[in-house]
Amino acid sequence: MIVHRSAPSAASRSLRQWPLLIVVGGVVLGLAIATLGDNTWRIGCVVIGSSLCVGAVERIALPRRDAGLMQVRGQAFDVAVLALTGAAIIALAIWVHGN
């Protein structure tokens, strides 16, 4: 007897999380860079902001079923929050005067 499952398997559900893993990986990398030395915080913040902007692009480009945990609210809200937060972090990293 063959049983057909309409629900996606655990493996296919976990593969849908790669967009979020890319963003989280970039943020972790940026945090690691920011803690390395005296003036690396600026580069780390640019990496963090860029990762968030990549998340906004992913949210626009990916279909709803492939967005995984990148879906928090509606697409427009998610893209606006990710893009504005990423742009603000990059802008602050550039504009803040360092030592």
PDB file of N, CA and C in Angstrom:
ATOM      1  N   MET A   1       0.837  -1.174   0.000  1.00  0.00           N
ATOM      2  CA  MET A   1       0.000   0.000   0.000  1.00  0.00           C
ATOM      3  C   MET A   1       0.890   1.247   0.000  1.00  0.00           C
ATOM      4  N   ILE A   2       0.659   2.113  -0.952  1.00  0.00           N
ATOM      5  CA  ILE A   2       1.443   3.335  -1.077  1.00  0.00           C
ATOM      6  C   ILE A   2       0.651   4.475  -0.457  1.00  0.00           C
ATOM      7  N   VAL A   3       1.312   5.202   0.417  1.00  0.00           N
ATOM      8  CA  VAL A   3       0.687   6.340   1.070  1.00  0.00           C
ATOM      9  C   VAL A   3       1.255   7.611   0.448  1.00  0.00           C
ATOM     10  N   HIS A   4       0.382   8.450  -0.064  1.00  0.00           N
ATOM     11  CA  HIS A   4       0.806   9.716  -0.657  1.00  0.00           C
ATOM     12  C   HIS A   4       0.648  10.806   0.378  1.00  0.00           C
ATOM     13  N   ARG A   5       1.703  11.544   0.554  1.00  0.00           N
ATOM     14  CA  ARG A   5       1.671  12.639   1.518  1.00  0.00           C
ATOM     15  C   ARG A   5       1.597  13.956   0.761  1.00  0.00           C
ATOM     16  N   SER A   6       0.661  14.783   1.134  1.00  0.00           N
ATOM     17  CA  SER A   6       0.559  16.084   0.484  1.00  0.00           C
ATOM     18  C   SER A   6       1.387  17.134   1.214  1.00  0.00           C
ATOM     19  N   ALA A   7       1.693  16.881   2.473  1.00  0.00           N
ATOM     20  CA  ALA A   7       2.499  17.832   3.226  1.00  0.00           C
ATOM     21  C   ALA A   7       3.963  17.698   2.813  1.00  0.00           C
ATOM     22  N   PRO A   8       4.688  18.812   2.765  1.00  0.00           N
ATOM     23  CA  PRO A   8       6.103  18.733   2.395  1.00  0.00           C
ATOM     24  C   PRO A   8       6.904  17.996   3.462  1.00  0.00           C
ATOM     25  N   SER A   9       7.936  17.321   3.019  1.00  0.00           N
ATOM     26  CA  SER A   9       8.768  16.573   3.950  1.00  0.00           C
ATOM     27  C   SER A   9       9.632  17.518   4.777  1.00  0.00           C
ATOM     28  N   ALA A  10      10.218  16.982   5.827  1.00  0.00           N
ATOM     29  CA  ALA A  10      11.072  17.796   6.693  1.00  0.00           C
ATOM     30  C   ALA A  10      12.281  18.322   5.919  1.00  0.00           C
ATOM     31  N   ALA A  11      12.803  17.525   5.021  1.00  0.00           N
ATOM     32  CA  ALA A  11      13.964  17.961   4.238  1.00  0.00           C
ATOM     33  C   ALA A  11      13.606  19.141   3.331  1.00  0.00           C
ATOM     34  N   SER A  12      12.459  19.094   2.699  1.00  0.00           N
ATOM     35  CA  SER A  12      12.080  20.198   1.813  1.00  0.00           C
ATOM     36  C   SER A  12      11.740  21.453   2.615  1.00  0.00           C
ATOM     37  N   ARG A  13      11.186  21.281   3.817  1.00  0.00           N
ATOM     38  CA  ARG A  13      10.907  22.449   4.664  1.00  0.00           C
ATOM     39  C   ARG A  13      12.203  23.100   5.124  1.00  0.00           C
ATOM     40  N   SER A  14      13.204  22.301   5.456  1.00  0.00           N
ATOM     41  CA  SER A  14      14.461  22.876   5.929  1.00  0.00           C
ATOM     42  C   SER A  14      15.224  23.548   4.791  1.00  0.00           C
ATOM     43  N   LEU A  15      15.059  23.078   3.565  1.00  0.00           N
ATOM     44  CA  LEU A  15      15.716  23.731   2.431  1.00  0.00           C
ATOM     45  C   LEU A  15      15.133  25.107   2.161  1.00  0.00           C
ATOM     46  N   ARG A  16      13.926  25.354   2.606  1.00  0.00           N
ATOM     47  CA  ARG A  16      13.317  26.671   2.395  1.00  0.00           C
ATOM     48  C   ARG A  16      13.903  27.729   3.316  1.00  0.00           C
ATOM     49  N   GLN A  17      14.735  27.356   4.243  1.00  0.00           N
ATOM     50  CA  GLN A  17      15.281  28.318   5.195  1.00  0.00           C
ATOM     51  C   GLN A  17      16.612  28.913   4.744  1.00  0.00           C
ATOM     52  N   TRP A  18      17.105  28.540   3.564  1.00  0.00           N
ATOM     53  CA  TRP A  18      18.388  29.069   3.112  1.00  0.00           C
ATOM     54  C   TRP A  18      18.403  30.581   2.961  1.00  0.00           C
ATOM     55  N   PRO A  19      17.309  31.259   2.569  1.00  0.00           N
ATOM     56  CA  PRO A  19      17.380  32.724   2.489  1.00  0.00           C
ATOM     57  C   PRO A  19      17.652  33.357   3.851  1.00  0.00           C
ATOM     58  N   LEU A  20      16.998  32.844   4.877  1.00  0.00           N
ATOM     59  CA  LEU A  20      17.224  33.378   6.217  1.00  0.00           C
ATOM     60  C   LEU A  20      18.634  33.067   6.697  1.00  0.00           C
ATOM     61  N   LEU A  21      19.136  31.886   6.380  1.00  0.00           N
ATOM     62  CA  LEU A  21      20.484  31.518   6.794  1.00  0.00           C
ATOM     63  C   LEU A  21      21.542  32.416   6.152  1.00  0.00           C
ATOM     64  N   ILE A  22      21.299  32.843   4.933  1.00  0.00           N
ATOM     65  CA  ILE A  22      22.231  33.761   4.268  1.00  0.00           C
ATOM     66  C   ILE A  22      22.283  35.090   5.019  1.00  0.00           C
ATOM     67  N   VAL A  23      21.125  35.609   5.386  1.00  0.00           N
ATOM     68  CA  VAL A  23      21.064  36.888   6.091  1.00  0.00           C
ATOM     69  C   VAL A  23      21.686  36.760   7.483  1.00  0.00           C
ATOM     70  N   VAL A  24      21.306  35.737   8.219  1.00  0.00           N
ATOM     71  CA  VAL A  24      21.842  35.545   9.566  1.00  0.00           C
ATOM     72  C   VAL A  24      23.359  35.310   9.504  1.00  0.00           C
ATOM     73  N   GLY A  25      23.817  34.544   8.530  1.00  0.00           N
ATOM     74  CA  GLY A  25      25.254  34.332   8.366  1.00  0.00           C
ATOM     75  C   GLY A  25      25.997  35.632   8.107  1.00  0.00           C
ATOM     76  N   GLY A  26      25.430  36.497   7.285  1.00  0.00           N
ATOM     77  CA  GLY A  26      26.053  37.796   7.019  1.00  0.00           C
ATOM     78  C   GLY A  26      26.086  38.683   8.241  1.00  0.00           C
ATOM     79  N   VAL A  27      25.019  38.654   9.033  1.00  0.00           N
ATOM     80  CA  VAL A  27      24.987  39.454  10.263  1.00  0.00           C
ATOM     81  C   VAL A  27      26.024  38.940  11.261  1.00  0.00           C
ATOM     82  N   VAL A  28      26.112  37.629  11.404  1.00  0.00           N
ATOM     83  CA  VAL A  28      27.109  37.050  12.313  1.00  0.00           C
ATOM     84  C   VAL A  28      28.524  37.385  11.841  1.00  0.00           C
ATOM     85  N   LEU A  29      28.763  37.294  10.537  1.00  0.00           N
ATOM     86  CA  LEU A  29      30.066  37.664   9.988  1.00  0.00           C
ATOM     87  C   LEU A  29      30.381  39.132  10.278  1.00  0.00           C
ATOM     88  N   GLY A  30      29.389  40.001  10.093  1.00  0.00           N
ATOM     89  CA  GLY A  30      29.585  41.428  10.379  1.00  0.00           C
ATOM     90  C   GLY A  30      29.881  41.685  11.848  1.00  0.00           C
ATOM     91  N   LEU A  31      29.196  40.975  12.733  1.00  0.00           N
ATOM     92  CA  LEU A  31      29.478  41.121  14.163  1.00  0.00           C
ATOM     93  C   LEU A  31      30.891  40.649  14.498  1.00  0.00           C
ATOM     94  N   ALA A  32      31.300  39.558  13.871  1.00  0.00           N
ATOM     95  CA  ALA A  32      32.654  39.054  14.109  1.00  0.00           C
ATOM     96  C   ALA A  32      33.693  40.055  13.619  1.00  0.00           C
ATOM     97  N   ILE A  33      33.478  40.636  12.460  1.00  0.00           N
ATOM     98  CA  ILE A  33      34.415  41.630  11.926  1.00  0.00           C
ATOM     99  C   ILE A  33      34.455  42.864  12.820  1.00  0.00           C
ATOM    100  N   ALA A  34      33.288  43.278  13.312  1.00  0.00           N
ATOM    101  CA  ALA A  34      33.213  44.481  14.142  1.00  0.00           C
ATOM    102  C   ALA A  34      33.961  44.329  15.456  1.00  0.00           C
ATOM    103  N   THR A  35      34.087  43.122  15.942  1.00  0.00           N
ATOM    104  CA  THR A  35      34.760  42.922  17.228  1.00  0.00           C
ATOM    105  C   THR A  35      36.253  42.635  17.097  1.00  0.00           C
ATOM    106  N   LEU A  36      36.781  42.606  15.877  1.00  0.00           N
ATOM    107  CA  LEU A  36      38.183  42.233  15.677  1.00  0.00           C
ATOM    108  C   LEU A  36      39.188  43.276  16.140  1.00  0.00           C
ATOM    109  N   GLY A  37      38.881  44.538  15.987  1.00  0.00           N
ATOM    110  CA  GLY A  37      39.885  45.538  16.317  1.00  0.00           C
ATOM    111  C   GLY A  37      39.277  46.908  16.517  1.00  0.00           C
ATOM    112  N   ASP A  38      40.154  47.905  16.547  1.00  0.00           N
ATOM    113  CA  ASP A  38      39.727  49.269  16.846  1.00  0.00           C
ATOM    114  C   ASP A  38      38.841  49.882  15.764  1.00  0.00           C
ATOM    115  N   ASN A  39      39.250  49.783  14.516  1.00  0.00           N
ATOM    116  CA  ASN A  39      38.513  50.458  13.449  1.00  0.00           C
ATOM    117  C   ASN A  39      37.745  49.507  12.544  1.00  0.00           C
ATOM    118  N   THR A  40      37.588  48.279  12.937  1.00  0.00           N
ATOM    119  CA  THR A  40      36.861  47.336  12.086  1.00  0.00           C
ATOM    120  C   THR A  40      35.355  47.384  12.300  1.00  0.00           C
ATOM    121  N   TRP A  41      34.884  48.163  13.283  1.00  0.00           N
ATOM    122  CA  TRP A  41      33.445  48.236  13.533  1.00  0.00           C
ATOM    123  C   TRP A  41      32.698  48.788  12.321  1.00  0.00           C
ATOM    124  N   ARG A  42      33.332  49.715  11.630  1.00  0.00           N
ATOM    125  CA  ARG A  42      32.684  50.339  10.467  1.00  0.00           C
ATOM    126  C   ARG A  42      32.481  49.313   9.343  1.00  0.00           C
ATOM    127  N   ILE A  43      33.489  48.507   9.077  1.00  0.00           N
ATOM    128  CA  ILE A  43      33.370  47.464   8.051  1.00  0.00           C
ATOM    129  C   ILE A  43      32.335  46.433   8.472  1.00  0.00           C
ATOM    130  N   GLY A  44      32.349  46.059   9.748  1.00  0.00           N
ATOM    131  CA  GLY A  44      31.368  45.105  10.256  1.00  0.00           C
ATOM    132  C   GLY A  44      29.939  45.608  10.106  1.00  0.00           C
ATOM    133  N   CYS A  45      29.731  46.895  10.379  1.00  0.00           N
ATOM    134  CA  CYS A  45      28.381  47.470  10.228  1.00  0.00           C
ATOM    135  C   CYS A  45      27.948  47.504   8.768  1.00  0.00           C
ATOM    136  N   VAL A  46      28.873  47.764   7.873  1.00  0.00           N
ATOM    137  CA  VAL A  46      28.534  47.744   6.442  1.00  0.00           C
ATOM    138  C   VAL A  46      28.162  46.325   6.009  1.00  0.00           C
ATOM    139  N   VAL A  47      28.862  45.330   6.525  1.00  0.00           N
ATOM    140  CA  VAL A  47      28.522  43.936   6.203  1.00  0.00           C
ATOM    141  C   VAL A  47      27.138  43.591   6.748  1.00  0.00           C
ATOM    142  N   ILE A  48      26.830  44.023   7.968  1.00  0.00           N
ATOM    143  CA  ILE A  48      25.511  43.761   8.556  1.00  0.00           C
ATOM    144  C   ILE A  48      24.414  44.437   7.735  1.00  0.00           C
ATOM    145  N   GLY A  49      24.597  45.703   7.411  1.00  0.00           N
ATOM    146  CA  GLY A  49      23.601  46.421   6.612  1.00  0.00           C
ATOM    147  C   GLY A  49      23.426  45.820   5.233  1.00  0.00           C
ATOM    148  N   SER A  50      24.533  45.396   4.631  1.00  0.00           N
ATOM    149  CA  SER A  50      24.449  44.763   3.314  1.00  0.00           C
ATOM    150  C   SER A  50      23.694  43.441   3.381  1.00  0.00           C
ATOM    151  N   SER A  51      23.899  42.688   4.443  1.00  0.00           N
ATOM    152  CA  SER A  51      23.183  41.422   4.607  1.00  0.00           C
ATOM    153  C   SER A  51      21.682  41.656   4.713  1.00  0.00           C
ATOM    154  N   LEU A  52      21.290  42.698   5.426  1.00  0.00           N
ATOM    155  CA  LEU A  52      19.866  43.012   5.531  1.00  0.00           C
ATOM    156  C   LEU A  52      19.291  43.443   4.184  1.00  0.00           C
ATOM    157  N   CYS A  53      20.068  44.196   3.419  1.00  0.00           N
ATOM    158  CA  CYS A  53      19.608  44.593   2.085  1.00  0.00           C
ATOM    159  C   CYS A  53      19.500  43.379   1.154  1.00  0.00           C
ATOM    160  N   VAL A  54      20.411  42.429   1.282  1.00  0.00           N
ATOM    161  CA  VAL A  54      20.306  41.178   0.526  1.00  0.00           C
ATOM    162  C   VAL A  54      19.025  40.450   0.914  1.00  0.00           C
ATOM    163  N   GLY A  55      18.687  40.480   2.195  1.00  0.00           N
ATOM    164  CA  GLY A  55      17.437  39.875   2.644  1.00  0.00           C
ATOM    165  C   GLY A  55      16.220  40.527   2.005  1.00  0.00           C
ATOM    166  N   ALA A  56      16.267  41.842   1.835  1.00  0.00           N
ATOM    167  CA  ALA A  56      15.159  42.535   1.173  1.00  0.00           C
ATOM    168  C   ALA A  56      15.031  42.096  -0.279  1.00  0.00           C
ATOM    169  N   VAL A  57      16.156  41.954  -0.954  1.00  0.00           N
ATOM    170  CA  VAL A  57      16.132  41.500  -2.348  1.00  0.00           C
ATOM    171  C   VAL A  57      15.620  40.058  -2.431  1.00  0.00           C
ATOM    172  N   GLU A  58      16.070  39.219  -1.504  1.00  0.00           N
ATOM    173  CA  GLU A  58      15.581  37.840  -1.480  1.00  0.00           C
ATOM    174  C   GLU A  58      14.072  37.800  -1.280  1.00  0.00           C
ATOM    175  N   ARG A  59      13.577  38.644  -0.388  1.00  0.00           N
ATOM    176  CA  ARG A  59      12.134  38.649  -0.105  1.00  0.00           C
ATOM    177  C   ARG A  59      11.334  39.085  -1.321  1.00  0.00           C
ATOM    178  N   ILE A  60      11.890  40.000  -2.119  1.00  0.00           N
ATOM    179  CA  ILE A  60      11.208  40.425  -3.350  1.00  0.00           C
ATOM    180  C   ILE A  60      11.267  39.315  -4.392  1.00  0.00           C
ATOM    181  N   ALA A  61      12.437  38.707  -4.549  1.00  0.00           N
ATOM    182  CA  ALA A  61      12.675  37.790  -5.669  1.00  0.00           C
ATOM    183  C   ALA A  61      12.062  36.410  -5.461  1.00  0.00           C
ATOM    184  N   LEU A  62      11.999  35.952  -4.231  1.00  0.00           N
ATOM    185  CA  LEU A  62      11.546  34.575  -3.997  1.00  0.00           C
ATOM    186  C   LEU A  62      10.028  34.487  -3.938  1.00  0.00           C
ATOM    187  N   PRO A  63       9.469  33.419  -4.487  1.00  0.00           N
ATOM    188  CA  PRO A  63       8.037  33.206  -4.342  1.00  0.00           C
ATOM    189  C   PRO A  63       7.685  32.920  -2.878  1.00  0.00           C
ATOM    190  N   ARG A  64       6.449  33.092  -2.558  1.00  0.00           N
ATOM    191  CA  ARG A  64       5.972  32.963  -1.177  1.00  0.00           C
ATOM    192  C   ARG A  64       6.349  31.612  -0.569  1.00  0.00           C
ATOM    193  N   ARG A  65       6.231  30.538  -1.314  1.00  0.00           N
ATOM    194  CA  ARG A  65       6.495  29.208  -0.761  1.00  0.00           C
ATOM    195  C   ARG A  65       7.975  28.977  -0.480  1.00  0.00           C
ATOM    196  N   ASP A  66       8.864  29.760  -1.130  1.00  0.00           N
ATOM    197  CA  ASP A  66      10.301  29.589  -0.936  1.00  0.00           C
ATOM    198  C   ASP A  66      10.912  30.601   0.031  1.00  0.00           C
ATOM    199  N   ALA A  67      10.133  31.553   0.497  1.00  0.00           N
ATOM    200  CA  ALA A  67      10.673  32.597   1.370  1.00  0.00           C
ATOM    201  C   ALA A  67      10.920  32.099   2.785  1.00  0.00           C
ATOM    202  N   GLY A  68      10.246  31.038   3.186  1.00  0.00           N
ATOM    203  CA  GLY A  68      10.479  30.453   4.503  1.00  0.00           C
ATOM    204  C   GLY A  68      10.217  31.433   5.626  1.00  0.00           C
ATOM    205  N   LEU A  69      11.143  31.485   6.578  1.00  0.00           N
ATOM    206  CA  LEU A  69      10.978  32.360   7.731  1.00  0.00           C
ATOM    207  C   LEU A  69      11.281  33.826   7.426  1.00  0.00           C
ATOM    208  N   MET A  70      11.584  34.148   6.172  1.00  0.00           N
ATOM    209  CA  MET A  70      11.742  35.542   5.784  1.00  0.00           C
ATOM    210  C   MET A  70      10.376  36.241   5.757  1.00  0.00           C
ATOM    211  N   GLN A  71       9.312  35.471   5.747  1.00  0.00           N
ATOM    212  CA  GLN A  71       7.966  36.030   5.754  1.00  0.00           C
ATOM    213  C   GLN A  71       7.553  36.333   7.187  1.00  0.00           C
ATOM    214  N   VAL A  72       7.425  37.602   7.509  1.00  0.00           N
ATOM    215  CA  VAL A  72       6.969  37.993   8.835  1.00  0.00           C
ATOM    216  C   VAL A  72       5.581  38.594   8.713  1.00  0.00           C
ATOM    217  N   ARG A  73       5.447  39.556   7.870  1.00  0.00           N
ATOM    218  CA  ARG A  73       4.154  40.197   7.575  1.00  0.00           C
ATOM    219  C   ARG A  73       3.943  40.097   6.069  1.00  0.00           C
ATOM    220  N   GLY A  74       3.368  41.100   5.501  1.00  0.00           N
ATOM    221  CA  GLY A  74       3.211  41.131   4.055  1.00  0.00           C
ATOM    222  C   GLY A  74       4.549  41.405   3.386  1.00  0.00           C
ATOM    223  N   GLN A  75       4.617  41.138   2.093  1.00  0.00           N
ATOM    224  CA  GLN A  75       5.869  41.306   1.373  1.00  0.00           C
ATOM    225  C   GLN A  75       6.354  42.751   1.412  1.00  0.00           C
ATOM    226  N   ALA A  76       5.461  43.708   1.213  1.00  0.00           N
ATOM    227  CA  ALA A  76       5.866  45.112   1.202  1.00  0.00           C
ATOM    228  C   ALA A  76       6.442  45.528   2.558  1.00  0.00           C
ATOM    229  N   PHE A  77       5.823  45.094   3.637  1.00  0.00           N
ATOM    230  CA  PHE A  77       6.311  45.423   4.977  1.00  0.00           C
ATOM    231  C   PHE A  77       7.686  44.804   5.219  1.00  0.00           C
ATOM    232  N   ASP A  78       7.825  43.527   4.895  1.00  0.00           N
ATOM    233  CA  ASP A  78       9.095  42.837   5.106  1.00  0.00           C
ATOM    234  C   ASP A  78      10.231  43.505   4.334  1.00  0.00           C
ATOM    235  N   VAL A  79       9.979  43.823   3.071  1.00  0.00           N
ATOM    236  CA  VAL A  79      11.002  44.455   2.232  1.00  0.00           C
ATOM    237  C   VAL A  79      11.345  45.840   2.774  1.00  0.00           C
ATOM    238  N   ALA A  80      10.331  46.609   3.157  1.00  0.00           N
ATOM    239  CA  ALA A  80      10.584  47.959   3.670  1.00  0.00           C
ATOM    240  C   ALA A  80      11.417  47.914   4.946  1.00  0.00           C
ATOM    241  N   VAL A  81      11.089  47.035   5.872  1.00  0.00           N
ATOM    242  CA  VAL A  81      11.838  46.961   7.132  1.00  0.00           C
ATOM    243  C   VAL A  81      13.271  46.521   6.887  1.00  0.00           C
ATOM    244  N   LEU A  82      13.461  45.484   6.091  1.00  0.00           N
ATOM    245  CA  LEU A  82      14.817  45.003   5.817  1.00  0.00           C
ATOM    246  C   LEU A  82      15.648  46.053   5.080  1.00  0.00           C
ATOM    247  N   ALA A  83      15.076  46.664   4.049  1.00  0.00           N
ATOM    248  CA  ALA A  83      15.826  47.637   3.246  1.00  0.00           C
ATOM    249  C   ALA A  83      16.135  48.902   4.046  1.00  0.00           C
ATOM    250  N   LEU A  84      15.151  49.418   4.773  1.00  0.00           N
ATOM    251  CA  LEU A  84      15.386  50.641   5.543  1.00  0.00           C
ATOM    252  C   LEU A  84      16.361  50.418   6.690  1.00  0.00           C
ATOM    253  N   THR A  85      16.256  49.287   7.359  1.00  0.00           N
ATOM    254  CA  THR A  85      17.191  49.000   8.444  1.00  0.00           C
ATOM    255  C   THR A  85      18.603  48.806   7.902  1.00  0.00           C
ATOM    256  N   GLY A  86      18.736  48.064   6.813  1.00  0.00           N
ATOM    257  CA  GLY A  86      20.052  47.870   6.209  1.00  0.00           C
ATOM    258  C   GLY A  86      20.662  49.177   5.737  1.00  0.00           C
ATOM    259  N   ALA A  87      19.858  50.015   5.067  1.00  0.00           N
ATOM    260  CA  ALA A  87      20.359  51.303   4.579  1.00  0.00           C
ATOM    261  C   ALA A  87      20.730  52.221   5.744  1.00  0.00           C
ATOM    262  N   ALA A  88      19.951  52.200   6.816  1.00  0.00           N
ATOM    263  CA  ALA A  88      20.251  53.043   7.979  1.00  0.00           C
ATOM    264  C   ALA A  88      21.555  52.611   8.648  1.00  0.00           C
ATOM    265  N   ILE A  89      21.782  51.322   8.775  1.00  0.00           N
ATOM    266  CA  ILE A  89      23.023  50.835   9.394  1.00  0.00           C
ATOM    267  C   ILE A  89      24.228  51.208   8.537  1.00  0.00           C
ATOM    268  N   ILE A  90      24.094  51.056   7.219  1.00  0.00           N
ATOM    269  CA  ILE A  90      25.194  51.432   6.327  1.00  0.00           C
ATOM    270  C   ILE A  90      25.449  52.934   6.394  1.00  0.00           C
ATOM    271  N   ALA A  91      24.382  53.734   6.372  1.00  0.00           N
ATOM    272  CA  ALA A  91      24.532  55.190   6.419  1.00  0.00           C
ATOM    273  C   ALA A  91      25.183  55.636   7.729  1.00  0.00           C
ATOM    274  N   LEU A  92      24.754  55.060   8.842  1.00  0.00           N
ATOM    275  CA  LEU A  92      25.355  55.429  10.124  1.00  0.00           C
ATOM    276  C   LEU A  92      26.820  55.009  10.204  1.00  0.00           C
ATOM    277  N   ALA A  93      27.140  53.865   9.634  1.00  0.00           N
ATOM    278  CA  ALA A  93      28.539  53.418   9.637  1.00  0.00           C
ATOM    279  C   ALA A  93      29.424  54.367   8.835  1.00  0.00           C
ATOM    280  N   ILE A  94      28.864  54.968   7.793  1.00  0.00           N
ATOM    281  CA  ILE A  94      29.639  55.890   6.966  1.00  0.00           C
ATOM    282  C   ILE A  94      29.721  57.272   7.614  1.00  0.00           C
ATOM    283  N   TRP A  95      28.613  57.737   8.192  1.00  0.00           N
ATOM    284  CA  TRP A  95      28.554  59.111   8.673  1.00  0.00           C
ATOM    285  C   TRP A  95      29.131  59.348  10.068  1.00  0.00           C
ATOM    286  N   VAL A  96      29.129  58.329  10.910  1.00  0.00           N
ATOM    287  CA  VAL A  96      29.630  58.522  12.282  1.00  0.00           C
ATOM    288  C   VAL A  96      31.134  58.731  12.237  1.00  0.00           C
ATOM    289  N   HIS A  97      31.577  59.762  12.937  1.00  0.00           N
ATOM    290  CA  HIS A  97      33.006  60.078  12.968  1.00  0.00           C
ATOM    291  C   HIS A  97      33.706  59.130  13.925  1.00  0.00           C
ATOM    292  N   GLY A  98      34.772  58.533  13.450  1.00  0.00           N
ATOM    293  CA  GLY A  98      35.551  57.619  14.270  1.00  0.00           C
ATOM    294  C   GLY A  98      36.811  58.277  14.781  1.00  0.00           C
ATOM    295  N   ASN A  99      37.591  57.536  15.515  1.00  0.00           N
ATOM    296  CA  ASN A  99      38.851  58.054  16.052  1.00  0.00           C
ATOM    297  C   ASN A  99      39.896  58.135  14.979  1.00  0.00           C
TER     298      ASN A  99
END
